[in-house]
Amino acid sequence: MTRPFLSVENLVVHFPTPDGVVRATTDLSYTLERGKTLGIVGESGSGKSVSSSAILGLHRKTSAQVSGQIWLDGVDLLAISDREMQQRRGKDVAMIFQDPLSALHPYYTIGDQVGEAYRVHHDVTKKAARARAIEMLDRVGIPNPDRRVDDYPHQFSGGMRQRAMIGMALINDPALLIADEPTTALDVTVQAQILDLLQDLQKEFHTALIMITHDLGVIAEVADDVLVMYAGRAVEYGSAKQLLTEPAMPYTLGLIQSVPDLESDVNEPLKPIPGNPPSLLDPPPGCPFEPRCTFKHLVPDGLPQRELPELVQIAPGHFRRCHLAETDLSKLTPIPIGELA
């Protein structure tokens, strides 16, 4: 059997704590091919970053209980040694973190940090690593890279720090790049520049890209496929067009409706998702979204409270986890948010 370039199969990441086990990610599966972009969306605490950190082996030195399989180009990353994982991290798979100011060390220059990422995987001199760092800073749009290479992180603007992080992540030409909320702290004009840069570099390097975000506008801009996560599980999965135009799971619909429409009446109220996500220390036995779902009255006999729905295919390439019989949510009448019990 030929697997996709990246295949995450039944991934489980649980964290033992004094209060119990935090079920951060449970039975998560998805695939991604080279040159394609997968968007992973969901509220904070849904398991987006935890699951992606498992790909880089960042849970190996923690108390996390990790199981399942993560196949990258035919190699199960969960089965290899720590040493081999260290050799692959930054070379085969790299990550752009959400906050570059905390990810970059304040005591070292940008050039030292970008160049170090190159020296770890190549037997080169500091001079050669510096030259490579200047090349990457130029490629990601840093002006005067031969001079700015000696600046410290605090001397860069937020957008420039993020560009430097992208350059550091791509300096070894990784086959898989994970971007964890890379535009969250940036203004919209810089955000657009960063997204354009990522897309251009993806085409140049033919990189597989995982974009972790809560911003559906970013998803609409860059993603080929979308994975929606809730309470540590996948609740909907399909092409970006399918999920953004025909959402089949109430949580996905709620995420879309909670985004302000600039063309609508300014007096029209926002439509937030009511309530809060469940505790992952003690998740409910049934559908985890049931307490917040405005369509739960359409499922008989309290089934959502008792039984977790399976992730089933409802159209070619389109999966959802829901008890509703109808997949076209536009035909259903929801409970008014204020009447949710």
Protein backbone atom coordinates (compact mmCIF):
# COMPACT_ATOMS: atom_id res chain seq x y z
CA MET A 1 0.00 0.00 0.00
CA THR A 2 1.33 3.42 -1.00
CA ARG A 3 0.70 5.99 1.68
CA PRO A 4 0.31 9.74 1.10
CA PHE A 5 3.38 11.88 1.78
CA LEU A 6 2.05 12.63 5.29
CA SER A 7 -0.40 10.26 6.94
CA VAL A 8 -1.49 10.77 10.54
CA GLU A 9 -3.33 7.67 11.73
CA ASN A 10 -5.29 7.35 14.99
CA LEU A 11 -3.05 9.84 16.79
CA VAL A 12 -3.57 10.04 20.56
CA VAL A 13 -1.84 12.61 22.77
CA HIS A 14 -2.83 12.53 26.45
CA PHE A 15 -1.18 14.36 29.36
CA PRO A 16 -1.29 12.89 32.90
CA THR A 17 -1.82 15.63 35.52
CA PRO A 18 -2.53 15.62 39.28
CA ASP A 19 -6.18 16.29 38.40
CA GLY A 20 -6.46 13.49 35.85
CA VAL A 21 -5.58 12.78 32.23
CA VAL A 22 -5.98 15.63 29.74
CA ARG A 23 -7.17 14.06 26.48
CA ALA A 24 -5.63 16.69 24.22
CA THR A 25 -5.95 14.68 20.99
CA THR A 26 -7.86 11.45 20.45
CA ASP A 27 -8.03 9.18 17.36
CA LEU A 28 -6.98 11.90 14.93
CA SER A 29 -6.36 10.94 11.30
CA TYR A 30 -5.64 12.96 8.16
CA THR A 31 -3.39 12.97 5.09
CA LEU A 32 -1.43 15.56 3.12
CA GLU A 33 0.46 15.45 -0.16
CA ARG A 34 3.53 17.48 -1.16
CA GLY A 35 2.73 20.90 -2.59
CA LYS A 36 -0.66 20.98 -0.86
CA THR A 37 -1.90 22.95 2.15
CA LEU A 38 -4.01 21.56 4.98
CA GLY A 39 -5.73 24.07 7.22
CA ILE A 40 -6.43 22.98 10.80
CA VAL A 41 -9.01 25.17 12.54
CA GLY A 42 -10.76 25.23 15.89
CA GLU A 43 -11.00 27.18 19.11
CA SER A 44 -8.15 27.39 21.60
CA GLY A 45 -7.69 24.06 23.35
CA SER A 46 -9.11 21.98 20.50
CA GLY A 47 -5.84 20.10 19.99
CA LYS A 48 -4.50 21.84 16.89
CA SER A 49 -1.01 22.68 18.12
CA VAL A 50 -0.66 19.58 20.30
CA SER A 51 -1.27 17.25 17.37
CA SER A 52 1.14 19.11 15.11
CA SER A 53 3.83 19.21 17.80
CA ALA A 54 3.64 15.40 17.85
CA ILE A 55 4.81 15.38 14.21
CA LEU A 56 8.02 17.13 15.28
CA GLY A 57 8.45 14.82 18.27
CA LEU A 58 8.17 17.71 20.72
CA HIS A 59 6.34 15.55 23.27
CA ARG A 60 9.18 13.01 23.57
CA LYS A 61 10.81 14.65 26.59
CA THR A 62 7.51 15.24 28.39
CA SER A 63 5.08 13.04 30.31
CA ALA A 64 2.75 12.90 27.31
CA GLN A 65 1.24 9.55 26.36
CA VAL A 66 1.48 9.40 22.57
CA SER A 67 0.25 6.58 20.35
CA GLY A 68 -0.84 5.99 16.77
CA GLN A 69 1.24 6.44 13.63
CA ILE A 70 2.66 9.46 11.83
CA TRP A 71 4.00 8.43 8.44
CA LEU A 72 6.20 11.01 6.69
CA ASP A 73 7.50 9.91 3.31
CA GLY A 74 7.25 6.24 4.33
CA VAL A 75 8.79 6.60 7.82
CA ASP A 76 6.75 6.33 11.03
CA LEU A 77 7.98 9.28 13.09
CA LEU A 78 6.58 7.80 16.30
CA ALA A 79 8.65 4.63 15.88
CA ILE A 80 12.10 6.10 15.23
CA SER A 81 14.72 6.86 17.87
CA ASP A 82 15.17 10.22 19.56
CA ARG A 83 18.43 10.70 17.70
CA GLU A 84 16.87 10.05 14.30
CA MET A 85 13.96 12.35 15.16
CA GLN A 86 16.43 15.08 16.06
CA GLN A 87 18.12 14.64 12.69
CA ARG A 88 14.81 14.96 10.88
CA ARG A 89 13.47 17.90 12.91
CA GLY A 90 14.33 21.09 11.07
CA LYS A 91 15.49 19.20 7.99
CA ASP A 92 12.55 17.05 6.87
CA VAL A 93 9.90 18.84 8.91
CA ALA A 94 10.04 22.34 10.37
CA MET A 95 7.71 24.65 12.27
CA ILE A 96 6.92 28.37 12.28
CA PHE A 97 5.77 29.30 15.77
CA GLN A 98 2.99 31.68 16.69
CA ASP A 99 5.05 34.28 18.56
CA PRO A 100 8.47 34.91 16.97
CA LEU A 101 9.52 37.26 19.77
CA SER A 102 9.37 34.42 22.30
CA ALA A 103 10.66 31.80 19.83
CA LEU A 104 13.75 33.85 18.96
CA HIS A 105 16.48 34.14 21.60
CA PRO A 106 16.96 37.80 22.62
CA TYR A 107 20.73 37.43 23.26
CA TYR A 108 21.71 36.17 19.80
CA THR A 109 21.58 37.95 16.47
CA ILE A 110 19.09 36.98 13.81
CA GLY A 111 21.95 35.75 11.64
CA ASP A 112 23.37 33.52 14.37
CA GLN A 113 19.98 31.89 14.98
CA VAL A 114 19.06 31.40 11.33
CA GLY A 115 22.56 30.16 10.54
CA GLU A 116 22.57 27.75 13.49
CA ALA A 117 19.51 26.01 12.05
CA TYR A 118 21.59 25.39 8.93
CA ARG A 119 24.79 24.27 10.73
CA VAL A 120 22.90 21.66 12.77
CA HIS A 121 22.20 19.68 9.60
CA HIS A 122 25.21 20.61 7.44
CA ASP A 123 28.94 20.37 8.08
CA VAL A 124 29.78 23.95 7.15
CA THR A 125 31.78 26.82 8.60
CA LYS A 126 30.24 29.78 10.43
CA LYS A 127 31.08 31.92 7.40
CA ALA A 128 29.16 29.61 5.07
CA ALA A 129 26.23 29.48 7.49
CA ARG A 130 26.18 33.27 7.67
CA ALA A 131 26.13 33.50 3.88
CA ARG A 132 23.24 31.02 3.79
CA ALA A 133 21.39 33.05 6.45
CA ILE A 134 21.79 36.25 4.41
CA GLU A 135 20.49 34.40 1.35
CA MET A 136 17.39 33.21 3.23
CA LEU A 137 16.71 36.63 4.80
CA ASP A 138 16.85 38.12 1.31
CA ARG A 139 14.52 35.42 -0.01
CA VAL A 140 11.87 36.12 2.66
CA GLY A 141 11.94 39.84 1.95
CA ILE A 142 14.16 41.32 4.68
CA PRO A 143 15.63 44.59 3.29
CA ASN A 144 19.43 44.98 3.40
CA PRO A 145 19.90 41.39 4.62
CA ASP A 146 23.71 41.66 4.67
CA ARG A 147 23.37 44.39 7.31
CA ARG A 148 20.23 43.27 9.15
CA VAL A 149 21.71 39.79 9.67
CA ASP A 150 23.63 41.25 12.63
CA ASP A 151 20.54 42.77 14.28
CA TYR A 152 18.87 41.34 17.36
CA PRO A 153 15.21 40.25 17.45
CA HIS A 154 14.08 43.39 19.29
CA GLN A 155 15.44 45.48 16.39
CA PHE A 156 13.04 43.80 13.96
CA SER A 157 9.36 44.68 13.58
CA GLY A 158 6.76 41.96 14.21
CA GLY A 159 6.40 41.26 10.49
CA MET A 160 10.16 41.09 9.98
CA ARG A 161 10.58 38.73 12.94
CA GLN A 162 7.97 36.45 11.41
CA ARG A 163 9.79 36.59 8.07
CA ALA A 164 13.03 35.66 9.86
CA MET A 165 11.24 32.70 11.48
CA ILE A 166 10.01 31.59 8.06
CA GLY A 167 13.55 31.85 6.71
CA MET A 168 14.87 29.80 9.63
CA ALA A 169 12.20 27.13 9.08
CA LEU A 170 12.90 26.89 5.34
CA ILE A 171 16.70 27.16 5.42
CA ASN A 172 17.08 23.36 5.13
CA ASP A 173 14.41 23.00 2.43
CA PRO A 174 12.05 20.86 4.59
CA ALA A 175 9.49 18.71 2.81
CA LEU A 176 6.85 19.52 5.46
CA LEU A 177 6.29 22.93 7.03
CA ILE A 178 3.95 23.51 9.97
CA ALA A 179 2.80 27.10 10.50
CA ASP A 180 1.21 27.58 13.93
CA GLU A 181 -0.91 30.75 13.83
CA PRO A 182 1.85 32.58 11.90
CA THR A 183 -0.18 35.76 11.34
CA THR A 184 -2.10 36.13 14.62
CA ALA A 185 -0.15 39.09 16.06
CA LEU A 186 0.25 40.93 12.76
CA ASP A 187 -1.86 43.67 11.21
CA VAL A 188 -3.89 42.75 8.14
CA THR A 189 -1.52 44.24 5.57
CA VAL A 190 1.50 42.41 7.00
CA GLN A 191 -0.64 39.28 7.37
CA ALA A 192 -1.42 39.33 3.65
CA GLN A 193 2.28 39.74 2.84
CA ILE A 194 3.22 36.78 5.04
CA LEU A 195 0.55 34.56 3.46
CA ASP A 196 1.70 35.54 -0.04
CA LEU A 197 5.29 34.79 0.97
CA LEU A 198 4.38 31.36 2.33
CA GLN A 199 2.50 30.48 -0.85
CA ASP A 200 5.38 31.64 -3.07
CA LEU A 201 7.95 29.68 -1.05
CA GLN A 202 5.69 26.63 -1.01
CA LYS A 203 5.58 26.65 -4.80
CA GLU A 204 9.34 27.13 -4.98
CA PHE A 205 10.19 24.28 -2.60
CA HIS A 206 7.13 22.08 -3.37
CA THR A 207 6.56 21.92 0.38
CA ALA A 208 3.60 20.30 2.13
CA LEU A 209 2.12 22.95 4.44
CA ILE A 210 -0.01 22.60 7.56
CA MET A 211 -1.60 25.94 8.48
CA ILE A 212 -2.92 26.03 12.05
CA THR A 213 -5.28 28.93 12.60
CA HIS A 214 -8.58 30.10 14.02
CA ASP A 215 -8.97 32.59 11.15
CA LEU A 216 -11.25 31.28 8.42
CA GLY A 217 -10.13 34.13 6.18
CA VAL A 218 -6.63 32.66 6.21
CA ILE A 219 -8.09 29.23 5.43
CA ALA A 220 -10.04 30.58 2.48
CA GLU A 221 -6.85 32.20 1.17
CA VAL A 222 -4.35 29.34 1.38
CA ALA A 223 -5.89 25.93 2.18
CA ASP A 224 -6.64 23.10 -0.23
CA ASP A 225 -8.23 20.92 2.48
CA VAL A 226 -9.50 21.76 5.96
CA LEU A 227 -9.59 19.77 9.20
CA VAL A 228 -11.93 21.15 11.86
CA MET A 229 -11.06 20.07 15.41
CA TYR A 230 -13.18 20.24 18.54
CA ALA A 231 -12.36 18.86 22.00
CA GLY A 232 -9.33 16.97 20.66
CA ARG A 233 -11.13 15.24 17.79
CA ALA A 234 -11.73 15.80 14.10
CA VAL A 235 -15.36 16.87 13.59
CA GLU A 236 -15.26 17.76 9.90
CA TYR A 237 -12.75 17.21 7.10
CA GLY A 238 -12.87 18.02 3.41
CA SER A 239 -11.85 20.49 0.74
CA ALA A 240 -11.81 24.17 1.66
CA LYS A 241 -14.60 24.81 -0.83
CA GLN A 242 -16.79 22.08 0.69
CA LEU A 243 -16.37 23.24 4.25
CA LEU A 244 -16.65 26.97 3.64
CA THR A 245 -19.65 26.81 1.29
CA GLU A 246 -21.46 23.68 2.52
CA PRO A 247 -20.53 23.09 6.19
CA ALA A 248 -22.16 19.88 7.39
CA MET A 249 -21.30 19.99 11.08
CA PRO A 250 -22.94 22.64 13.36
CA TYR A 251 -19.61 23.59 14.91
CA THR A 252 -18.13 24.40 11.48
CA LEU A 253 -21.22 26.45 10.66
CA GLY A 254 -20.84 28.27 13.97
CA LEU A 255 -17.23 29.17 13.18
CA ILE A 256 -18.27 30.56 9.80
CA GLN A 257 -21.23 32.53 11.16
CA SER A 258 -19.14 34.06 13.95
CA VAL A 259 -16.98 35.89 11.39
CA PRO A 260 -18.28 39.46 10.79
CA ASP A 261 -19.63 40.05 7.27
CA LEU A 262 -18.39 43.42 6.00
CA GLU A 263 -21.22 43.56 3.45
CA SER A 264 -24.05 43.00 5.96
CA ASP A 265 -26.05 45.55 7.92
CA VAL A 266 -23.80 47.19 10.53
CA ASN A 267 -26.64 46.91 13.05
CA GLU A 268 -26.93 43.15 12.59
CA PRO A 269 -25.65 41.41 15.74
CA LEU A 270 -22.77 38.96 15.63
CA LYS A 271 -23.59 35.27 15.89
CA PRO A 272 -21.13 33.80 18.41
CA ILE A 273 -21.07 30.14 19.32
CA PRO A 274 -22.76 29.96 22.75
CA GLY A 275 -21.05 28.43 25.78
CA ASN A 276 -17.54 27.05 26.12
CA PRO A 277 -15.69 23.91 24.99
CA PRO A 278 -15.82 20.96 27.41
CA SER A 279 -13.02 20.12 29.81
CA LEU A 280 -10.60 17.63 28.30
CA LEU A 281 -10.05 16.24 31.80
CA ASP A 282 -13.60 14.93 31.81
CA PRO A 283 -15.08 15.00 28.29
CA PRO A 284 -18.77 14.14 27.93
CA PRO A 285 -19.67 10.57 26.86
CA GLY A 286 -21.70 11.76 23.87
CA CYS A 287 -21.13 14.46 21.29
CA PRO A 288 -18.81 17.02 22.92
CA PHE A 289 -20.53 19.86 21.03
CA GLU A 290 -24.03 18.89 22.21
CA PRO A 291 -24.31 21.51 25.02
CA ARG A 292 -23.61 24.29 22.50
CA CYS A 293 -25.43 22.88 19.47
CA THR A 294 -28.46 24.83 18.22
CA PHE A 295 -29.63 21.80 16.20
CA LYS A 296 -29.61 19.18 18.97
CA HIS A 297 -33.42 19.26 19.27
CA LEU A 298 -33.58 17.62 15.83
CA VAL A 299 -31.88 14.44 17.06
CA PRO A 300 -34.34 12.17 18.94
CA ASP A 301 -34.09 10.39 22.28
CA GLY A 302 -31.15 12.39 23.66
CA LEU A 303 -28.73 10.45 21.46
CA PRO A 304 -26.12 13.26 21.35
CA GLN A 305 -25.81 13.15 25.15
CA ARG A 306 -25.22 9.39 25.23
CA GLU A 307 -23.24 8.43 22.16
CA LEU A 308 -20.20 9.89 20.41
CA PRO A 309 -20.91 10.10 16.65
CA GLU A 310 -18.48 8.46 14.25
CA LEU A 311 -16.54 10.40 11.63
CA VAL A 312 -18.33 9.29 8.45
CA GLN A 313 -18.06 10.21 4.79
CA ILE A 314 -21.08 12.18 3.52
CA ALA A 315 -19.68 13.04 0.06
CA PRO A 316 -16.49 12.19 -1.82
CA GLY A 317 -13.65 13.46 0.38
CA HIS A 318 -16.04 15.13 2.84
CA PHE A 319 -16.34 13.70 6.38
CA ARG A 320 -18.22 14.85 9.47
CA ARG A 321 -18.85 13.73 13.05
CA CYS A 322 -22.54 14.44 13.77
CA HIS A 323 -25.82 12.71 14.69
CA LEU A 324 -27.94 14.94 12.41
CA ALA A 325 -29.59 13.07 9.55
CA GLU A 326 -29.60 16.15 7.31
CA THR A 327 -26.25 17.40 5.99
CA ASP A 328 -27.59 20.64 4.47
CA LEU A 329 -27.78 22.77 7.60
CA SER A 330 -29.39 25.64 5.68
CA LYS A 331 -32.60 23.56 5.55
CA LEU A 332 -32.75 23.17 9.33
CA THR A 333 -34.27 25.50 11.91
CA PRO A 334 -31.91 26.09 14.85
CA ILE A 335 -32.82 26.83 18.43
CA PRO A 336 -32.33 30.53 19.19
CA ILE A 337 -29.03 30.91 21.00
CA GLY A 338 -30.72 32.48 24.02
CA GLU A 339 -32.91 29.40 24.46
CA LEU A 340 -30.10 26.86 24.65
CA ALA A 341 -30.35 24.91 27.92
